[in-house]
Amino acid sequence: MTGSDTDALDAAQEALIAIVRGLDRFDQRSAFSTWAYRIATNACLDELRRRRRRPIPTEPDDVRATVHDAADAVTARIDVDAALAGLPDEFRVAVVLRDLCGLSYDEIAQAVDIPPGTVRSRIARGRAMLADRFGKPESGNPAPTLERPTP
């Protein structure tokens, strides 16, 4: 969600501390995992807000892998991370919780405190934005052509 390993580690640490400190406030109205995901999501969003106030670091040195497959995997991961970082926060949260964390729509709705229909909409729009970024057309019916075929 954060797009940065170091920011993700900071957010994970903050989330774990918040979970431990808040165990006495867990009221069991939802599953523990949903409650924990909500805390982790909030920690990630807080980290993203803090990042906006930090100076932008320079580009990291290009890392060269010795194995071709490993280099491709790293490149793909960087591309996906960059694409996710380009999404608005509300779409990124929904896509990450669904596609990377494997949560159901209802679990995401509880964790983010929005209706399940909104979760579905945000995931669909986030995925469409990612598809546009990677240059892949959306699935579905092709766009109609303007020319009519001649008989």
N, C-alpha and C. Protein backbone atom coordinates (compact mmCIF):
# COMPACT_ATOMS: atom_id res chain seq x y z
N MET A 1 0.81 -1.19 0.00
CA MET A 1 0.00 0.00 0.00
C MET A 1 0.85 1.26 0.00
N THR A 2 1.99 1.21 0.67
CA THR A 2 2.82 2.41 0.77
C THR A 2 3.71 2.59 -0.44
N GLY A 3 4.02 1.52 -1.15
CA GLY A 3 4.89 1.62 -2.31
C GLY A 3 6.36 1.68 -1.97
N SER A 4 6.69 1.54 -0.72
CA SER A 4 8.09 1.60 -0.28
C SER A 4 8.29 0.59 0.84
N ASP A 5 9.34 -0.21 0.71
CA ASP A 5 9.59 -1.22 1.75
C ASP A 5 9.84 -0.59 3.11
N THR A 6 10.60 0.49 3.15
CA THR A 6 10.90 1.10 4.45
C THR A 6 9.65 1.73 5.06
N ASP A 7 8.82 2.38 4.24
CA ASP A 7 7.57 2.94 4.76
C ASP A 7 6.62 1.83 5.21
N ALA A 8 6.62 0.71 4.48
CA ALA A 8 5.76 -0.42 4.85
C ALA A 8 6.21 -1.01 6.19
N LEU A 9 7.51 -1.10 6.40
CA LEU A 9 8.01 -1.60 7.68
C LEU A 9 7.62 -0.66 8.82
N ASP A 10 7.74 0.64 8.59
CA ASP A 10 7.33 1.62 9.61
C ASP A 10 5.84 1.50 9.91
N ALA A 11 5.03 1.38 8.85
CA ALA A 11 3.58 1.27 9.04
C ALA A 11 3.23 -0.04 9.76
N ALA A 12 3.91 -1.12 9.41
CA ALA A 12 3.64 -2.41 10.07
C ALA A 12 3.98 -2.33 11.56
N GLN A 13 5.09 -1.69 11.86
CA GLN A 13 5.48 -1.55 13.26
C GLN A 13 4.45 -0.71 14.02
N GLU A 14 4.03 0.40 13.42
CA GLU A 14 3.01 1.25 14.06
C GLU A 14 1.70 0.48 14.24
N ALA A 15 1.33 -0.32 13.23
CA ALA A 15 0.09 -1.09 13.31
C ALA A 15 0.16 -2.12 14.44
N LEU A 16 1.27 -2.82 14.53
CA LEU A 16 1.40 -3.83 15.60
C LEU A 16 1.36 -3.19 16.98
N ILE A 17 2.00 -2.05 17.12
CA ILE A 17 1.95 -1.35 18.41
C ILE A 17 0.52 -0.93 18.72
N ALA A 18 -0.18 -0.40 17.71
CA ALA A 18 -1.57 0.02 17.91
C ALA A 18 -2.48 -1.16 18.25
N ILE A 19 -2.23 -2.30 17.63
CA ILE A 19 -3.03 -3.49 17.92
C ILE A 19 -2.83 -3.94 19.36
N VAL A 20 -1.58 -4.00 19.79
CA VAL A 20 -1.29 -4.43 21.17
C VAL A 20 -1.89 -3.44 22.17
N ARG A 21 -1.72 -2.16 21.91
CA ARG A 21 -2.26 -1.15 22.83
C ARG A 21 -3.79 -1.12 22.82
N GLY A 22 -4.40 -1.51 21.72
CA GLY A 22 -5.85 -1.43 21.62
C GLY A 22 -6.58 -2.73 21.86
N LEU A 23 -5.89 -3.79 22.27
CA LEU A 23 -6.56 -5.08 22.48
C LEU A 23 -7.73 -4.98 23.46
N ASP A 24 -7.62 -4.15 24.48
CA ASP A 24 -8.71 -4.03 25.45
C ASP A 24 -9.92 -3.32 24.86
N ARG A 25 -9.73 -2.60 23.75
CA ARG A 25 -10.85 -1.91 23.10
C ARG A 25 -11.49 -2.74 22.00
N PHE A 26 -10.94 -3.90 21.68
CA PHE A 26 -11.53 -4.76 20.64
C PHE A 26 -12.84 -5.32 21.18
N ASP A 27 -13.96 -4.94 20.53
CA ASP A 27 -15.28 -5.30 21.05
C ASP A 27 -15.90 -6.52 20.40
N GLN A 28 -15.22 -7.18 19.49
CA GLN A 28 -15.64 -8.42 18.84
C GLN A 28 -16.91 -8.27 18.01
N ARG A 29 -17.21 -7.04 17.54
CA ARG A 29 -18.33 -6.87 16.63
C ARG A 29 -17.98 -7.38 15.24
N SER A 30 -16.69 -7.46 14.96
CA SER A 30 -16.22 -8.01 13.69
C SER A 30 -15.11 -9.00 14.01
N ALA A 31 -14.62 -9.66 12.96
CA ALA A 31 -13.52 -10.61 13.15
C ALA A 31 -12.27 -9.86 13.56
N PHE A 32 -11.42 -10.52 14.33
CA PHE A 32 -10.17 -9.91 14.77
C PHE A 32 -9.33 -9.49 13.57
N SER A 33 -9.32 -10.35 12.53
CA SER A 33 -8.51 -10.03 11.35
C SER A 33 -9.00 -8.77 10.67
N THR A 34 -10.31 -8.57 10.61
CA THR A 34 -10.86 -7.35 10.01
C THR A 34 -10.45 -6.13 10.82
N TRP A 35 -10.52 -6.23 12.12
CA TRP A 35 -10.10 -5.15 13.00
C TRP A 35 -8.62 -4.85 12.81
N ALA A 36 -7.81 -5.89 12.73
CA ALA A 36 -6.37 -5.71 12.55
C ALA A 36 -6.05 -5.11 11.18
N TYR A 37 -6.77 -5.56 10.13
CA TYR A 37 -6.56 -4.98 8.80
C TYR A 37 -6.91 -3.50 8.79
N ARG A 38 -7.95 -3.12 9.50
CA ARG A 38 -8.33 -1.71 9.56
C ARG A 38 -7.23 -0.89 10.21
N ILE A 39 -6.66 -1.41 11.29
CA ILE A 39 -5.58 -0.70 11.97
C ILE A 39 -4.37 -0.60 11.04
N ALA A 40 -4.05 -1.69 10.35
CA ALA A 40 -2.90 -1.68 9.42
C ALA A 40 -3.16 -0.71 8.27
N THR A 41 -4.38 -0.69 7.75
CA THR A 41 -4.72 0.24 6.67
C THR A 41 -4.56 1.68 7.14
N ASN A 42 -5.05 1.98 8.33
CA ASN A 42 -4.91 3.33 8.87
C ASN A 42 -3.44 3.69 9.06
N ALA A 43 -2.63 2.73 9.51
CA ALA A 43 -1.20 2.99 9.69
C ALA A 43 -0.55 3.30 8.34
N CYS A 44 -0.93 2.58 7.30
CA CYS A 44 -0.39 2.84 5.95
C CYS A 44 -0.81 4.22 5.46
N LEU A 45 -2.08 4.56 5.65
CA LEU A 45 -2.55 5.87 5.21
C LEU A 45 -1.86 6.99 5.99
N ASP A 46 -1.63 6.77 7.29
CA ASP A 46 -0.88 7.76 8.08
C ASP A 46 0.53 7.91 7.56
N GLU A 47 1.16 6.80 7.21
CA GLU A 47 2.53 6.84 6.68
C GLU A 47 2.55 7.59 5.35
N LEU A 48 1.54 7.38 4.51
CA LEU A 48 1.47 8.10 3.24
C LEU A 48 1.31 9.60 3.47
N ARG A 49 0.54 9.98 4.48
CA ARG A 49 0.39 11.41 4.80
C ARG A 49 1.71 11.99 5.29
N ARG A 50 2.42 11.23 6.13
CA ARG A 50 3.73 11.70 6.61
C ARG A 50 4.71 11.82 5.45
N ARG A 51 4.65 10.91 4.49
CA ARG A 51 5.58 10.93 3.36
C ARG A 51 5.42 12.21 2.55
N ARG A 52 4.19 12.69 2.42
CA ARG A 52 3.96 13.91 1.64
C ARG A 52 4.69 15.10 2.25
N ARG A 53 4.94 15.06 3.56
CA ARG A 53 5.62 16.17 4.22
C ARG A 53 7.14 16.03 4.16
N ARG A 54 7.63 14.87 3.75
CA ARG A 54 9.07 14.64 3.66
C ARG A 54 9.62 15.10 2.32
N PRO A 55 10.91 15.47 2.28
CA PRO A 55 11.50 15.78 0.97
C PRO A 55 11.57 14.52 0.12
N ILE A 56 11.49 14.69 -1.20
CA ILE A 56 11.52 13.57 -2.12
C ILE A 56 12.97 13.11 -2.29
N PRO A 57 13.26 11.83 -2.01
CA PRO A 57 14.63 11.34 -2.17
C PRO A 57 14.98 11.20 -3.65
N THR A 58 16.27 11.17 -3.91
CA THR A 58 16.72 10.97 -5.28
C THR A 58 16.48 9.52 -5.68
N GLU A 59 16.51 9.26 -6.97
CA GLU A 59 16.29 7.92 -7.49
C GLU A 59 17.35 6.96 -6.94
N PRO A 60 16.95 5.77 -6.51
CA PRO A 60 17.94 4.80 -6.04
C PRO A 60 18.78 4.28 -7.20
N ASP A 61 19.96 3.79 -6.84
CA ASP A 61 20.83 3.20 -7.87
C ASP A 61 20.13 2.02 -8.51
N ASP A 62 20.36 1.83 -9.79
CA ASP A 62 19.78 0.71 -10.52
C ASP A 62 20.40 -0.58 -10.01
N VAL A 63 19.54 -1.52 -9.59
CA VAL A 63 20.01 -2.80 -9.07
C VAL A 63 20.01 -3.81 -10.21
N ARG A 64 21.15 -4.45 -10.43
CA ARG A 64 21.26 -5.46 -11.49
C ARG A 64 21.28 -6.84 -10.86
N ALA A 65 20.37 -7.70 -11.27
CA ALA A 65 20.34 -9.07 -10.76
C ALA A 65 21.21 -9.94 -11.65
N THR A 66 21.82 -10.95 -11.05
CA THR A 66 22.67 -11.84 -11.82
C THR A 66 21.86 -12.87 -12.59
N VAL A 67 20.70 -13.21 -12.11
CA VAL A 67 19.85 -14.19 -12.77
C VAL A 67 18.76 -13.44 -13.53
N HIS A 68 18.58 -13.80 -14.81
CA HIS A 68 17.63 -13.09 -15.67
C HIS A 68 16.21 -13.14 -15.11
N ASP A 69 15.77 -14.29 -14.62
CA ASP A 69 14.41 -14.41 -14.08
C ASP A 69 14.23 -13.52 -12.86
N ALA A 70 15.23 -13.46 -12.02
CA ALA A 70 15.15 -12.61 -10.84
C ALA A 70 15.04 -11.14 -11.24
N ALA A 71 15.79 -10.75 -12.26
CA ALA A 71 15.74 -9.37 -12.74
C ALA A 71 14.35 -9.05 -13.27
N ASP A 72 13.76 -9.98 -14.02
CA ASP A 72 12.40 -9.76 -14.53
C ASP A 72 11.40 -9.64 -13.39
N ALA A 73 11.54 -10.47 -12.37
CA ALA A 73 10.62 -10.42 -11.24
C ALA A 73 10.75 -9.09 -10.50
N VAL A 74 11.96 -8.63 -10.31
CA VAL A 74 12.17 -7.36 -9.63
C VAL A 74 11.60 -6.22 -10.46
N THR A 75 11.83 -6.25 -11.75
CA THR A 75 11.30 -5.21 -12.64
C THR A 75 9.78 -5.19 -12.61
N ALA A 76 9.18 -6.36 -12.66
CA ALA A 76 7.72 -6.44 -12.61
C ALA A 76 7.20 -5.90 -11.29
N ARG A 77 7.88 -6.24 -10.20
CA ARG A 77 7.46 -5.77 -8.87
C ARG A 77 7.56 -4.24 -8.78
N ILE A 78 8.64 -3.71 -9.31
CA ILE A 78 8.82 -2.25 -9.30
C ILE A 78 7.73 -1.58 -10.13
N ASP A 79 7.42 -2.17 -11.28
CA ASP A 79 6.38 -1.61 -12.13
C ASP A 79 5.02 -1.63 -11.43
N VAL A 80 4.73 -2.75 -10.77
CA VAL A 80 3.45 -2.86 -10.05
C VAL A 80 3.41 -1.87 -8.89
N ASP A 81 4.52 -1.78 -8.13
CA ASP A 81 4.56 -0.84 -7.02
C ASP A 81 4.38 0.59 -7.50
N ALA A 82 5.04 0.93 -8.60
CA ALA A 82 4.90 2.28 -9.15
C ALA A 82 3.47 2.54 -9.63
N ALA A 83 2.86 1.54 -10.26
CA ALA A 83 1.49 1.70 -10.73
C ALA A 83 0.53 1.86 -9.54
N LEU A 84 0.74 1.07 -8.49
CA LEU A 84 -0.10 1.19 -7.30
C LEU A 84 0.08 2.54 -6.64
N ALA A 85 1.32 3.04 -6.62
CA ALA A 85 1.58 4.34 -6.01
C ALA A 85 0.89 5.46 -6.76
N GLY A 86 0.62 5.26 -8.05
CA GLY A 86 -0.05 6.27 -8.85
C GLY A 86 -1.56 6.31 -8.66
N LEU A 87 -2.11 5.31 -7.97
CA LEU A 87 -3.56 5.29 -7.74
C LEU A 87 -3.92 6.21 -6.57
N PRO A 88 -5.10 6.82 -6.62
CA PRO A 88 -5.57 7.55 -5.44
C PRO A 88 -5.70 6.60 -4.26
N ASP A 89 -5.53 7.12 -3.05
CA ASP A 89 -5.48 6.29 -1.84
C ASP A 89 -6.68 5.36 -1.71
N GLU A 90 -7.90 5.87 -1.97
CA GLU A 90 -9.09 5.02 -1.75
C GLU A 90 -9.13 3.83 -2.70
N PHE A 91 -8.62 4.01 -3.92
CA PHE A 91 -8.59 2.89 -4.87
C PHE A 91 -7.45 1.95 -4.53
N ARG A 92 -6.29 2.49 -4.14
CA ARG A 92 -5.13 1.66 -3.81
C ARG A 92 -5.45 0.75 -2.62
N VAL A 93 -6.09 1.31 -1.60
CA VAL A 93 -6.43 0.52 -0.42
C VAL A 93 -7.32 -0.66 -0.80
N ALA A 94 -8.36 -0.40 -1.58
CA ALA A 94 -9.29 -1.46 -1.97
C ALA A 94 -8.60 -2.53 -2.82
N VAL A 95 -7.79 -2.12 -3.79
CA VAL A 95 -7.12 -3.08 -4.67
C VAL A 95 -6.10 -3.91 -3.89
N VAL A 96 -5.33 -3.27 -3.04
CA VAL A 96 -4.32 -4.00 -2.27
C VAL A 96 -4.98 -5.00 -1.32
N LEU A 97 -6.01 -4.56 -0.61
CA LEU A 97 -6.67 -5.48 0.33
C LEU A 97 -7.32 -6.66 -0.39
N ARG A 98 -7.82 -6.44 -1.60
CA ARG A 98 -8.46 -7.53 -2.34
C ARG A 98 -7.45 -8.42 -3.06
N ASP A 99 -6.59 -7.79 -3.87
CA ASP A 99 -5.72 -8.58 -4.75
C ASP A 99 -4.43 -9.04 -4.09
N LEU A 100 -3.92 -8.31 -3.14
CA LEU A 100 -2.68 -8.73 -2.50
C LEU A 100 -2.90 -9.40 -1.15
N CYS A 101 -3.89 -8.94 -0.40
CA CYS A 101 -4.17 -9.53 0.91
C CYS A 101 -5.22 -10.61 0.86
N GLY A 102 -6.00 -10.65 -0.23
CA GLY A 102 -6.99 -11.71 -0.40
C GLY A 102 -8.24 -11.57 0.44
N LEU A 103 -8.56 -10.36 0.89
CA LEU A 103 -9.76 -10.17 1.69
C LEU A 103 -11.00 -10.22 0.79
N SER A 104 -12.11 -10.62 1.37
CA SER A 104 -13.38 -10.61 0.63
C SER A 104 -13.90 -9.17 0.59
N TYR A 105 -14.89 -8.94 -0.27
CA TYR A 105 -15.47 -7.61 -0.38
C TYR A 105 -16.08 -7.17 0.94
N ASP A 106 -16.75 -8.09 1.63
CA ASP A 106 -17.36 -7.75 2.92
C ASP A 106 -16.30 -7.41 3.97
N GLU A 107 -15.21 -8.16 3.98
CA GLU A 107 -14.14 -7.86 4.94
C GLU A 107 -13.52 -6.50 4.67
N ILE A 108 -13.34 -6.18 3.40
CA ILE A 108 -12.79 -4.87 3.04
C ILE A 108 -13.77 -3.78 3.46
N ALA A 109 -15.05 -4.01 3.21
CA ALA A 109 -16.06 -3.02 3.57
C ALA A 109 -16.04 -2.75 5.07
N GLN A 110 -15.90 -3.79 5.87
CA GLN A 110 -15.82 -3.61 7.32
C GLN A 110 -14.53 -2.92 7.72
N ALA A 111 -13.42 -3.31 7.10
CA ALA A 111 -12.12 -2.74 7.47
C ALA A 111 -12.03 -1.26 7.12
N VAL A 112 -12.61 -0.87 5.99
CA VAL A 112 -12.49 0.51 5.53
C VAL A 112 -13.72 1.33 5.91
N ASP A 113 -14.76 0.66 6.41
CA ASP A 113 -15.99 1.30 6.86
C ASP A 113 -16.72 2.01 5.72
N ILE A 114 -16.92 1.26 4.63
CA ILE A 114 -17.70 1.75 3.50
C ILE A 114 -18.61 0.61 3.04
N PRO A 115 -19.66 0.89 2.28
CA PRO A 115 -20.56 -0.18 1.81
C PRO A 115 -19.84 -1.13 0.83
N PRO A 116 -20.25 -2.40 0.79
CA PRO A 116 -19.64 -3.36 -0.14
C PRO A 116 -19.73 -2.93 -1.60
N GLY A 117 -20.80 -2.27 -1.99
CA GLY A 117 -20.92 -1.79 -3.36
C GLY A 117 -19.84 -0.77 -3.70
N THR A 118 -19.51 0.06 -2.74
CA THR A 118 -18.45 1.05 -2.94
C THR A 118 -17.10 0.35 -3.06
N VAL A 119 -16.91 -0.72 -2.28
CA VAL A 119 -15.68 -1.50 -2.37
C VAL A 119 -15.54 -2.06 -3.79
N ARG A 120 -16.60 -2.66 -4.29
CA ARG A 120 -16.57 -3.23 -5.65
C ARG A 120 -16.26 -2.15 -6.68
N SER A 121 -16.87 -1.00 -6.53
CA SER A 121 -16.66 0.09 -7.47
C SER A 121 -15.20 0.57 -7.42
N ARG A 122 -14.68 0.73 -6.22
CA ARG A 122 -13.30 1.20 -6.09
C ARG A 122 -12.30 0.19 -6.64
N ILE A 123 -12.57 -1.09 -6.43
CA ILE A 123 -11.68 -2.12 -6.97
C ILE A 123 -11.74 -2.10 -8.49
N ALA A 124 -12.94 -2.02 -9.05
CA ALA A 124 -13.08 -2.00 -10.50
C ALA A 124 -12.39 -0.78 -11.10
N ARG A 125 -12.59 0.38 -10.50
CA ARG A 125 -11.96 1.60 -11.02
C ARG A 125 -10.45 1.56 -10.83
N GLY A 126 -10.00 1.03 -9.70
CA GLY A 126 -8.56 0.92 -9.46
C GLY A 126 -7.90 -0.03 -10.45
N ARG A 127 -8.55 -1.15 -10.70
CA ARG A 127 -8.01 -2.11 -11.67
C ARG A 127 -8.00 -1.50 -13.07
N ALA A 128 -9.03 -0.75 -13.41
CA ALA A 128 -9.08 -0.10 -14.74
C ALA A 128 -7.94 0.91 -14.88
N MET A 129 -7.67 1.65 -13.81
CA MET A 129 -6.56 2.60 -13.85
C MET A 129 -5.22 1.88 -14.02
N LEU A 130 -5.09 0.74 -13.33
CA LEU A 130 -3.86 -0.05 -13.47
C LEU A 130 -3.73 -0.59 -14.89
N ALA A 131 -4.83 -1.06 -15.45
CA ALA A 131 -4.80 -1.58 -16.82
C ALA A 131 -4.41 -0.48 -17.80
N ASP A 132 -4.93 0.72 -17.60
CA ASP A 132 -4.56 1.85 -18.46
C ASP A 132 -3.07 2.16 -18.32
N ARG A 133 -2.58 2.10 -17.11
CA ARG A 133 -1.18 2.41 -16.87
C ARG A 133 -0.26 1.41 -17.54
N PHE A 134 -0.67 0.15 -17.57
CA PHE A 134 0.14 -0.88 -18.21
C PHE A 134 -0.17 -1.01 -19.69
N GLY A 135 -1.09 -0.21 -20.20
CA GLY A 135 -1.39 -0.21 -21.62
C GLY A 135 -2.23 -1.39 -22.07
N LYS A 136 -2.90 -2.04 -21.15
CA LYS A 136 -3.75 -3.17 -21.50
C LYS A 136 -5.18 -2.70 -21.58
N PRO A 137 -5.90 -3.06 -22.63
CA PRO A 137 -7.30 -2.65 -22.71
C PRO A 137 -8.12 -3.36 -21.65
N GLU A 138 -9.17 -2.70 -21.24
CA GLU A 138 -10.07 -3.33 -20.27
C GLU A 138 -10.76 -4.52 -20.90
N SER A 139 -11.13 -5.46 -20.05
CA SER A 139 -11.87 -6.61 -20.56
C SER A 139 -13.29 -6.18 -20.87
N GLY A 140 -13.96 -6.94 -21.62
CA GLY A 140 -15.33 -6.61 -21.98
C GLY A 140 -15.47 -6.53 -23.48
N ASN A 141 -16.55 -5.96 -23.91
CA ASN A 141 -16.81 -5.84 -25.35
C ASN A 141 -15.87 -4.82 -25.97
N PRO A 142 -15.39 -5.10 -27.18
CA PRO A 142 -14.54 -4.12 -27.84
C PRO A 142 -15.35 -2.89 -28.24
N ALA A 143 -14.66 -1.77 -28.39
CA ALA A 143 -15.33 -0.54 -28.79
C ALA A 143 -15.85 -0.71 -30.23
N PRO A 144 -17.03 -0.18 -30.50
CA PRO A 144 -17.58 -0.32 -31.86
C PRO A 144 -16.73 0.47 -32.84
N THR A 145 -16.63 -0.06 -34.03
CA THR A 145 -15.89 0.65 -35.07
C THR A 145 -16.81 1.64 -35.74
N LEU A 146 -16.22 2.72 -36.25
CA LEU A 146 -17.02 3.77 -36.89
C LEU A 146 -17.32 3.45 -38.33
N GLU A 147 -16.54 2.59 -38.94
CA GLU A 147 -16.74 2.23 -40.34
C GLU A 147 -17.65 1.03 -40.45
N ARG A 148 -18.50 1.06 -41.46
CA ARG A 148 -19.39 -0.08 -41.71
C ARG A 148 -18.74 -0.97 -42.73
N PRO A 149 -18.80 -2.27 -42.54
CA PRO A 149 -18.23 -3.16 -43.55
C PRO A 149 -19.07 -3.11 -44.83
N THR A 150 -18.40 -3.17 -45.93
CA THR A 150 -19.11 -3.17 -47.22
C THR A 150 -19.51 -4.59 -47.57
N PRO A 151 -20.70 -4.78 -48.17
CA PRO A 151 -21.14 -6.14 -48.49
C PRO A 151 -20.41 -6.74 -49.65
